[in-house]
Amino acid sequence: MGVPCLAYDVGGNREAVPDESCLVPLGVVEALARKVAMLVRDTELRRTRGTLAARFVEEQLDAPVYASKVRKLYSLLREGKLVT
């Protein structure tokens, strides 16, 4: 969507949010509020992070791209080339 995303640093958010500075510890509302305020005040930062976020989604999480990654993973598993 072209807007930056802030998230708590839990679960799979590190994989879905490309900019580590957009993650805050779980439950630390003050840290989240500071980051929101920073993005509200700084138009250029907001625009830059939004552009990077949109590019990340297109390159890494877009359905056809992600499906290709899953197919490759299953192929490696099927061939016994992926060690867990």
PDB file of N, CA and C in Angstrom:
ATOM      1  N   MET A   1       0.813  -1.201   0.000  1.00  0.00           N
ATOM      2  CA  MET A   1       0.000   0.000   0.000  1.00  0.00           C
ATOM      3  C   MET A   1       0.857   1.266   0.000  1.00  0.00           C
ATOM      4  N   GLY A   2       2.161   1.101   0.201  1.00  0.00           N
ATOM      5  CA  GLY A   2       3.041   2.256   0.163  1.00  0.00           C
ATOM      6  C   GLY A   2       3.101   3.056   1.446  1.00  0.00           C
ATOM      7  N   VAL A   3       2.661   2.465   2.535  1.00  0.00           N
ATOM      8  CA  VAL A   3       2.769   3.140   3.824  1.00  0.00           C
ATOM      9  C   VAL A   3       3.618   2.284   4.753  1.00  0.00           C
ATOM     10  N   PRO A   4       4.376   2.923   5.667  1.00  0.00           N
ATOM     11  CA  PRO A   4       5.204   2.140   6.578  1.00  0.00           C
ATOM     12  C   PRO A   4       4.336   1.351   7.558  1.00  0.00           C
ATOM     13  N   CYS A   5       4.873   0.272   8.019  1.00  0.00           N
ATOM     14  CA  CYS A   5       4.169  -0.581   8.963  1.00  0.00           C
ATOM     15  C   CYS A   5       4.990  -0.669  10.244  1.00  0.00           C
ATOM     16  N   LEU A   6       4.360  -0.418  11.364  1.00  0.00           N
ATOM     17  CA  LEU A   6       4.982  -0.606  12.668  1.00  0.00           C
ATOM     18  C   LEU A   6       4.359  -1.846  13.284  1.00  0.00           C
ATOM     19  N   ALA A   7       5.169  -2.609  14.008  1.00  0.00           N
ATOM     20  CA  ALA A   7       4.655  -3.849  14.579  1.00  0.00           C
ATOM     21  C   ALA A   7       5.419  -4.217  15.835  1.00  0.00           C
ATOM     22  N   TYR A   8       4.768  -5.020  16.646  1.00  0.00           N
ATOM     23  CA  TYR A   8       5.467  -5.589  17.790  1.00  0.00           C
ATOM     24  C   TYR A   8       6.422  -6.665  17.284  1.00  0.00           C
ATOM     25  N   ASP A   9       7.534  -6.825  17.940  1.00  0.00           N
ATOM     26  CA  ASP A   9       8.562  -7.798  17.547  1.00  0.00           C
ATOM     27  C   ASP A   9       8.193  -9.172  18.101  1.00  0.00           C
ATOM     28  N   VAL A  10       7.216  -9.788  17.467  1.00  0.00           N
ATOM     29  CA  VAL A  10       6.728 -11.108  17.873  1.00  0.00           C
ATOM     30  C   VAL A  10       6.467 -11.957  16.636  1.00  0.00           C
ATOM     31  N   GLY A  11       6.405 -13.244  16.847  1.00  0.00           N
ATOM     32  CA  GLY A  11       6.036 -14.169  15.787  1.00  0.00           C
ATOM     33  C   GLY A  11       6.788 -13.939  14.498  1.00  0.00           C
ATOM     34  N   GLY A  12       6.070 -13.906  13.406  1.00  0.00           N
ATOM     35  CA  GLY A  12       6.675 -13.748  12.092  1.00  0.00           C
ATOM     36  C   GLY A  12       6.821 -12.309  11.632  1.00  0.00           C
ATOM     37  N   ASN A  13       6.649 -11.356  12.537  1.00  0.00           N
ATOM     38  CA  ASN A  13       6.725  -9.954  12.116  1.00  0.00           C
ATOM     39  C   ASN A  13       8.089  -9.568  11.570  1.00  0.00           C
ATOM     40  N   ARG A  14       9.166 -10.178  12.072  1.00  0.00           N
ATOM     41  CA  ARG A  14      10.500  -9.869  11.532  1.00  0.00           C
ATOM     42  C   ARG A  14      10.593 -10.261  10.056  1.00  0.00           C
ATOM     43  N   GLU A  15       9.888 -11.293   9.665  1.00  0.00           N
ATOM     44  CA  GLU A  15       9.907 -11.720   8.266  1.00  0.00           C
ATOM     45  C   GLU A  15       9.022 -10.836   7.393  1.00  0.00           C
ATOM     46  N   ALA A  16       8.016 -10.223   7.990  1.00  0.00           N
ATOM     47  CA  ALA A  16       7.057  -9.446   7.212  1.00  0.00           C
ATOM     48  C   ALA A  16       7.338  -7.953   7.217  1.00  0.00           C
ATOM     49  N   VAL A  17       8.145  -7.484   8.157  1.00  0.00           N
ATOM     50  CA  VAL A  17       8.477  -6.059   8.253  1.00  0.00           C
ATOM     51  C   VAL A  17       9.966  -5.918   7.953  1.00  0.00           C
ATOM     52  N   PRO A  18      10.314  -5.369   6.799  1.00  0.00           N
ATOM     53  CA  PRO A  18      11.709  -5.374   6.358  1.00  0.00           C
ATOM     54  C   PRO A  18      12.648  -4.456   7.133  1.00  0.00           C
ATOM     55  N   ASP A  19      12.110  -3.460   7.797  1.00  0.00           N
ATOM     56  CA  ASP A  19      12.925  -2.479   8.494  1.00  0.00           C
ATOM     57  C   ASP A  19      12.859  -2.744   9.996  1.00  0.00           C
ATOM     58  N   GLU A  20      13.964  -3.205  10.558  1.00  0.00           N
ATOM     59  CA  GLU A  20      14.001  -3.553  11.978  1.00  0.00           C
ATOM     60  C   GLU A  20      13.650  -2.371  12.876  1.00  0.00           C
ATOM     61  N   SER A  21      13.900  -1.167  12.408  1.00  0.00           N
ATOM     62  CA  SER A  21      13.576   0.010  13.218  1.00  0.00           C
ATOM     63  C   SER A  21      12.069   0.222  13.333  1.00  0.00           C
ATOM     64  N   CYS A  22      11.292  -0.538  12.588  1.00  0.00           N
ATOM     65  CA  CYS A  22       9.833  -0.440  12.653  1.00  0.00           C
ATOM     66  C   CYS A  22       9.239  -1.458  13.616  1.00  0.00           C
ATOM     67  N   LEU A  23      10.088  -2.193  14.312  1.00  0.00           N
ATOM     68  CA  LEU A  23       9.627  -3.180  15.293  1.00  0.00           C
ATOM     69  C   LEU A  23       9.862  -2.652  16.699  1.00  0.00           C
ATOM     70  N   VAL A  24       8.936  -2.952  17.595  1.00  0.00           N
ATOM     71  CA  VAL A  24       9.087  -2.568  18.999  1.00  0.00           C
ATOM     72  C   VAL A  24       8.796  -3.793  19.869  1.00  0.00           C
ATOM     73  N   PRO A  25       9.382  -3.827  21.067  1.00  0.00           N
ATOM     74  CA  PRO A  25       9.136  -4.963  21.952  1.00  0.00           C
ATOM     75  C   PRO A  25       7.646  -5.087  22.295  1.00  0.00           C
ATOM     76  N   LEU A  26       7.204  -6.311  22.433  1.00  0.00           N
ATOM     77  CA  LEU A  26       5.804  -6.590  22.736  1.00  0.00           C
ATOM     78  C   LEU A  26       5.350  -5.840  23.987  1.00  0.00           C
ATOM     79  N   GLY A  27       4.257  -5.137  23.862  1.00  0.00           N
ATOM     80  CA  GLY A  27       3.634  -4.475  24.990  1.00  0.00           C
ATOM     81  C   GLY A  27       4.216  -3.135  25.384  1.00  0.00           C
ATOM     82  N   VAL A  28       5.281  -2.693  24.726  1.00  0.00           N
ATOM     83  CA  VAL A  28       5.883  -1.406  25.082  1.00  0.00           C
ATOM     84  C   VAL A  28       5.169  -0.325  24.270  1.00  0.00           C
ATOM     85  N   VAL A  29       4.024   0.078  24.782  1.00  0.00           N
ATOM     86  CA  VAL A  29       3.158   1.019  24.081  1.00  0.00           C
ATOM     87  C   VAL A  29       3.858   2.360  23.861  1.00  0.00           C
ATOM     88  N   GLU A  30       4.658   2.787  24.828  1.00  0.00           N
ATOM     89  CA  GLU A  30       5.351   4.070  24.701  1.00  0.00           C
ATOM     90  C   GLU A  30       6.294   4.071  23.497  1.00  0.00           C
ATOM     91  N   ALA A  31       7.006   2.972  23.287  1.00  0.00           N
ATOM     92  CA  ALA A  31       7.918   2.881  22.144  1.00  0.00           C
ATOM     93  C   ALA A  31       7.135   2.922  20.834  1.00  0.00           C
ATOM     94  N   LEU A  32       6.019   2.242  20.802  1.00  0.00           N
ATOM     95  CA  LEU A  32       5.181   2.254  19.607  1.00  0.00           C
ATOM     96  C   LEU A  32       4.649   3.661  19.349  1.00  0.00           C
ATOM     97  N   ALA A  33       4.205   4.335  20.398  1.00  0.00           N
ATOM     98  CA  ALA A  33       3.683   5.699  20.257  1.00  0.00           C
ATOM     99  C   ALA A  33       4.767   6.655  19.764  1.00  0.00           C
ATOM    100  N   ARG A  34       6.004   6.498  20.244  1.00  0.00           N
ATOM    101  CA  ARG A  34       7.105   7.357  19.780  1.00  0.00           C
ATOM    102  C   ARG A  34       7.355   7.175  18.294  1.00  0.00           C
ATOM    103  N   LYS A  35       7.317   5.927  17.847  1.00  0.00           N
ATOM    104  CA  LYS A  35       7.560   5.657  16.425  1.00  0.00           C
ATOM    105  C   LYS A  35       6.420   6.200  15.559  1.00  0.00           C
ATOM    106  N   VAL A  36       5.199   6.071  16.038  1.00  0.00           N
ATOM    107  CA  VAL A  36       4.058   6.628  15.303  1.00  0.00           C
ATOM    108  C   VAL A  36       4.214   8.140  15.194  1.00  0.00           C
ATOM    109  N   ALA A  37       4.530   8.790  16.312  1.00  0.00           N
ATOM    110  CA  ALA A  37       4.689  10.249  16.305  1.00  0.00           C
ATOM    111  C   ALA A  37       5.806  10.672  15.350  1.00  0.00           C
ATOM    112  N   MET A  38       6.895   9.920  15.335  1.00  0.00           N
ATOM    113  CA  MET A  38       8.012  10.237  14.448  1.00  0.00           C
ATOM    114  C   MET A  38       7.561  10.184  12.989  1.00  0.00           C
ATOM    115  N   LEU A  39       6.799   9.147  12.630  1.00  0.00           N
ATOM    116  CA  LEU A  39       6.332   9.019  11.246  1.00  0.00           C
ATOM    117  C   LEU A  39       5.315  10.098  10.890  1.00  0.00           C
ATOM    118  N   VAL A  40       4.502  10.485  11.844  1.00  0.00           N
ATOM    119  CA  VAL A  40       3.524  11.543  11.592  1.00  0.00           C
ATOM    120  C   VAL A  40       4.233  12.865  11.318  1.00  0.00           C
ATOM    121  N   ARG A  41       5.285  13.150  12.094  1.00  0.00           N
ATOM    122  CA  ARG A  41       6.003  14.429  11.960  1.00  0.00           C
ATOM    123  C   ARG A  41       6.917  14.480  10.740  1.00  0.00           C
ATOM    124  N   ASP A  42       7.528  13.359  10.373  1.00  0.00           N
ATOM    125  CA  ASP A  42       8.565  13.351   9.336  1.00  0.00           C
ATOM    126  C   ASP A  42       8.018  12.779   8.030  1.00  0.00           C
ATOM    127  N   THR A  43       7.564  13.672   7.176  1.00  0.00           N
ATOM    128  CA  THR A  43       6.953  13.270   5.904  1.00  0.00           C
ATOM    129  C   THR A  43       7.911  12.477   5.029  1.00  0.00           C
ATOM    130  N   GLU A  44       9.159  12.921   4.951  1.00  0.00           N
ATOM    131  CA  GLU A  44      10.123  12.231   4.080  1.00  0.00           C
ATOM    132  C   GLU A  44      10.432  10.824   4.604  1.00  0.00           C
ATOM    133  N   LEU A  45      10.596  10.683   5.896  1.00  0.00           N
ATOM    134  CA  LEU A  45      10.838   9.361   6.486  1.00  0.00           C
ATOM    135  C   LEU A  45       9.651   8.446   6.218  1.00  0.00           C
ATOM    136  N   ARG A  46       8.464   8.976   6.401  1.00  0.00           N
ATOM    137  CA  ARG A  46       7.247   8.193   6.161  1.00  0.00           C
ATOM    138  C   ARG A  46       7.172   7.750   4.705  1.00  0.00           C
ATOM    139  N   ARG A  47       7.484   8.656   3.794  1.00  0.00           N
ATOM    140  CA  ARG A  47       7.437   8.334   2.361  1.00  0.00           C
ATOM    141  C   ARG A  47       8.501   7.286   2.002  1.00  0.00           C
ATOM    142  N   THR A  48       9.721   7.480   2.519  1.00  0.00           N
ATOM    143  CA  THR A  48      10.815   6.549   2.230  1.00  0.00           C
ATOM    144  C   THR A  48      10.506   5.152   2.757  1.00  0.00           C
ATOM    145  N   ARG A  49      10.075   5.069   4.013  1.00  0.00           N
ATOM    146  CA  ARG A  49       9.758   3.757   4.591  1.00  0.00           C
ATOM    147  C   ARG A  49       8.571   3.113   3.902  1.00  0.00           C
ATOM    148  N   GLY A  50       7.611   3.915   3.482  1.00  0.00           N
ATOM    149  CA  GLY A  50       6.466   3.374   2.752  1.00  0.00           C
ATOM    150  C   GLY A  50       6.873   2.795   1.412  1.00  0.00           C
ATOM    151  N   THR A  51       7.759   3.493   0.713  1.00  0.00           N
ATOM    152  CA  THR A  51       8.256   2.999  -0.577  1.00  0.00           C
ATOM    153  C   THR A  51       9.033   1.703  -0.396  1.00  0.00           C
ATOM    154  N   LEU A  52       9.897   1.667   0.615  1.00  0.00           N
ATOM    155  CA  LEU A  52      10.668   0.446   0.881  1.00  0.00           C
ATOM    156  C   LEU A  52       9.755  -0.709   1.262  1.00  0.00           C
ATOM    157  N   ALA A  53       8.731  -0.436   2.048  1.00  0.00           N
ATOM    158  CA  ALA A  53       7.796  -1.481   2.449  1.00  0.00           C
ATOM    159  C   ALA A  53       7.049  -2.046   1.245  1.00  0.00           C
ATOM    160  N   ALA A  54       6.594  -1.163   0.369  1.00  0.00           N
ATOM    161  CA  ALA A  54       5.872  -1.623  -0.824  1.00  0.00           C
ATOM    162  C   ALA A  54       6.781  -2.467  -1.714  1.00  0.00           C
ATOM    163  N   ARG A  55       8.026  -2.035  -1.885  1.00  0.00           N
ATOM    164  CA  ARG A  55       8.969  -2.793  -2.704  1.00  0.00           C
ATOM    165  C   ARG A  55       9.232  -4.171  -2.089  1.00  0.00           C
ATOM    166  N   PHE A  56       9.402  -4.210  -0.762  1.00  0.00           N
ATOM    167  CA  PHE A  56       9.631  -5.476  -0.069  1.00  0.00           C
ATOM    168  C   PHE A  56       8.470  -6.451  -0.295  1.00  0.00           C
ATOM    169  N   VAL A  57       7.258  -5.954  -0.162  1.00  0.00           N
ATOM    170  CA  VAL A  57       6.087  -6.817  -0.366  1.00  0.00           C
ATOM    171  C   VAL A  57       6.045  -7.334  -1.794  1.00  0.00           C
ATOM    172  N   GLU A  58       6.284  -6.462  -2.757  1.00  0.00           N
ATOM    173  CA  GLU A  58       6.261  -6.880  -4.163  1.00  0.00           C
ATOM    174  C   GLU A  58       7.329  -7.928  -4.453  1.00  0.00           C
ATOM    175  N   GLU A  59       8.525  -7.752  -3.873  1.00  0.00           N
ATOM    176  CA  GLU A  59       9.640  -8.651  -4.184  1.00  0.00           C
ATOM    177  C   GLU A  59       9.641  -9.930  -3.352  1.00  0.00           C
ATOM    178  N   GLN A  60       9.079  -9.886  -2.153  1.00  0.00           N
ATOM    179  CA  GLN A  60       9.195 -11.037  -1.255  1.00  0.00           C
ATOM    180  C   GLN A  60       7.873 -11.718  -0.910  1.00  0.00           C
ATOM    181  N   LEU A  61       6.786 -10.978  -0.850  1.00  0.00           N
ATOM    182  CA  LEU A  61       5.541 -11.529  -0.330  1.00  0.00           C
ATOM    183  C   LEU A  61       4.398 -11.568  -1.329  1.00  0.00           C
ATOM    184  N   ASP A  62       4.617 -11.054  -2.529  1.00  0.00           N
ATOM    185  CA  ASP A  62       3.598 -11.113  -3.562  1.00  0.00           C
ATOM    186  C   ASP A  62       3.230 -12.585  -3.800  1.00  0.00           C
ATOM    187  N   ALA A  63       1.972 -12.868  -4.013  1.00  0.00           N
ATOM    188  CA  ALA A  63       1.501 -14.253  -4.102  1.00  0.00           C
ATOM    189  C   ALA A  63       2.303 -15.117  -5.085  1.00  0.00           C
ATOM    190  N   PRO A  64       2.524 -14.696  -6.334  1.00  0.00           N
ATOM    191  CA  PRO A  64       3.295 -15.548  -7.247  1.00  0.00           C
ATOM    192  C   PRO A  64       4.743 -15.762  -6.785  1.00  0.00           C
ATOM    193  N   VAL A  65       5.347 -14.722  -6.235  1.00  0.00           N
ATOM    194  CA  VAL A  65       6.727 -14.839  -5.742  1.00  0.00           C
ATOM    195  C   VAL A  65       6.773 -15.818  -4.571  1.00  0.00           C
ATOM    196  N   TYR A  66       5.855 -15.643  -3.631  1.00  0.00           N
ATOM    197  CA  TYR A  66       5.824 -16.508  -2.451  1.00  0.00           C
ATOM    198  C   TYR A  66       5.513 -17.950  -2.844  1.00  0.00           C
ATOM    199  N   ALA A  67       4.585 -18.132  -3.786  1.00  0.00           N
ATOM    200  CA  ALA A  67       4.241 -19.482  -4.239  1.00  0.00           C
ATOM    201  C   ALA A  67       5.455 -20.168  -4.856  1.00  0.00           C
ATOM    202  N   SER A  68       6.252 -19.414  -5.596  1.00  0.00           N
ATOM    203  CA  SER A  68       7.464 -19.974  -6.188  1.00  0.00           C
ATOM    204  C   SER A  68       8.441 -20.423  -5.106  1.00  0.00           C
ATOM    205  N   LYS A  69       8.571 -19.633  -4.052  1.00  0.00           N
ATOM    206  CA  LYS A  69       9.459 -20.001  -2.947  1.00  0.00           C
ATOM    207  C   LYS A  69       8.974 -21.270  -2.258  1.00  0.00           C
ATOM    208  N   VAL A  70       7.671 -21.388  -2.074  1.00  0.00           N
ATOM    209  CA  VAL A  70       7.109 -22.575  -1.433  1.00  0.00           C
ATOM    210  C   VAL A  70       7.324 -23.797  -2.315  1.00  0.00           C
ATOM    211  N   ARG A  71       7.115 -23.652  -3.627  1.00  0.00           N
ATOM    212  CA  ARG A  71       7.354 -24.773  -4.553  1.00  0.00           C
ATOM    213  C   ARG A  71       8.804 -25.227  -4.479  1.00  0.00           C
ATOM    214  N   LYS A  72       9.728 -24.273  -4.446  1.00  0.00           N
ATOM    215  CA  LYS A  72      11.148 -24.615  -4.363  1.00  0.00           C
ATOM    216  C   LYS A  72      11.451 -25.346  -3.054  1.00  0.00           C
ATOM    217  N   LEU A  73      10.881 -24.875  -1.973  1.00  0.00           N
ATOM    218  CA  LEU A  73      11.077 -25.519  -0.673  1.00  0.00           C
ATOM    219  C   LEU A  73      10.567 -26.958  -0.700  1.00  0.00           C
ATOM    220  N   TYR A  74       9.371 -27.167  -1.221  1.00  0.00           N
ATOM    221  CA  TYR A  74       8.816 -28.520  -1.307  1.00  0.00           C
ATOM    222  C   TYR A  74       9.656 -29.418  -2.210  1.00  0.00           C
ATOM    223  N   SER A  75      10.174 -28.864  -3.294  1.00  0.00           N
ATOM    224  CA  SER A  75      11.043 -29.652  -4.173  1.00  0.00           C
ATOM    225  C   SER A  75      12.292 -30.105  -3.432  1.00  0.00           C
ATOM    226  N   LEU A  76      12.893 -29.205  -2.675  1.00  0.00           N
ATOM    227  CA  LEU A  76      14.080 -29.563  -1.894  1.00  0.00           C
ATOM    228  C   LEU A  76      13.744 -30.622  -0.846  1.00  0.00           C
ATOM    229  N   LEU A  77      12.606 -30.485  -0.205  1.00  0.00           N
ATOM    230  CA  LEU A  77      12.187 -31.489   0.773  1.00  0.00           C
ATOM    231  C   LEU A  77      11.982 -32.851   0.111  1.00  0.00           C
ATOM    232  N   ARG A  78      11.292 -32.829  -1.028  1.00  0.00           N
ATOM    233  CA  ARG A  78      10.993 -34.073  -1.750  1.00  0.00           C
ATOM    234  C   ARG A  78      12.273 -34.773  -2.195  1.00  0.00           C
ATOM    235  N   GLU A  79      13.270 -33.987  -2.577  1.00  0.00           N
ATOM    236  CA  GLU A  79      14.535 -34.551  -3.047  1.00  0.00           C
ATOM    237  C   GLU A  79      15.480 -34.879  -1.895  1.00  0.00           C
ATOM    238  N   GLY A  80      15.080 -34.585  -0.689  1.00  0.00           N
ATOM    239  CA  GLY A  80      15.924 -34.869   0.464  1.00  0.00           C
ATOM    240  C   GLY A  80      17.124 -33.952   0.575  1.00  0.00           C
ATOM    241  N   LYS A  81      17.053 -32.784  -0.052  1.00  0.00           N
ATOM    242  CA  LYS A  81      18.191 -31.856  -0.052  1.00  0.00           C
ATOM    243  C   LYS A  81      18.087 -30.801   1.035  1.00  0.00           C
ATOM    244  N   LEU A  82      17.001 -30.822   1.782  1.00  0.00           N
ATOM    245  CA  LEU A  82      16.815 -29.841   2.842  1.00  0.00           C
ATOM    246  C   LEU A  82      16.945 -30.547   4.178  1.00  0.00           C
ATOM    247  N   VAL A  83      17.918 -30.121   4.934  1.00  0.00           N
ATOM    248  CA  VAL A  83      18.157 -30.715   6.247  1.00  0.00           C
ATOM    249  C   VAL A  83      17.477 -29.842   7.296  1.00  0.00           C
ATOM    250  N   THR A  84      16.703 -30.464   8.163  1.00  0.00           N
ATOM    251  CA  THR A  84      16.034 -29.696   9.210  1.00  0.00           C
ATOM    252  C   THR A  84      16.766 -29.822  10.527  1.00  0.00           C
TER     253      THR A  84
END
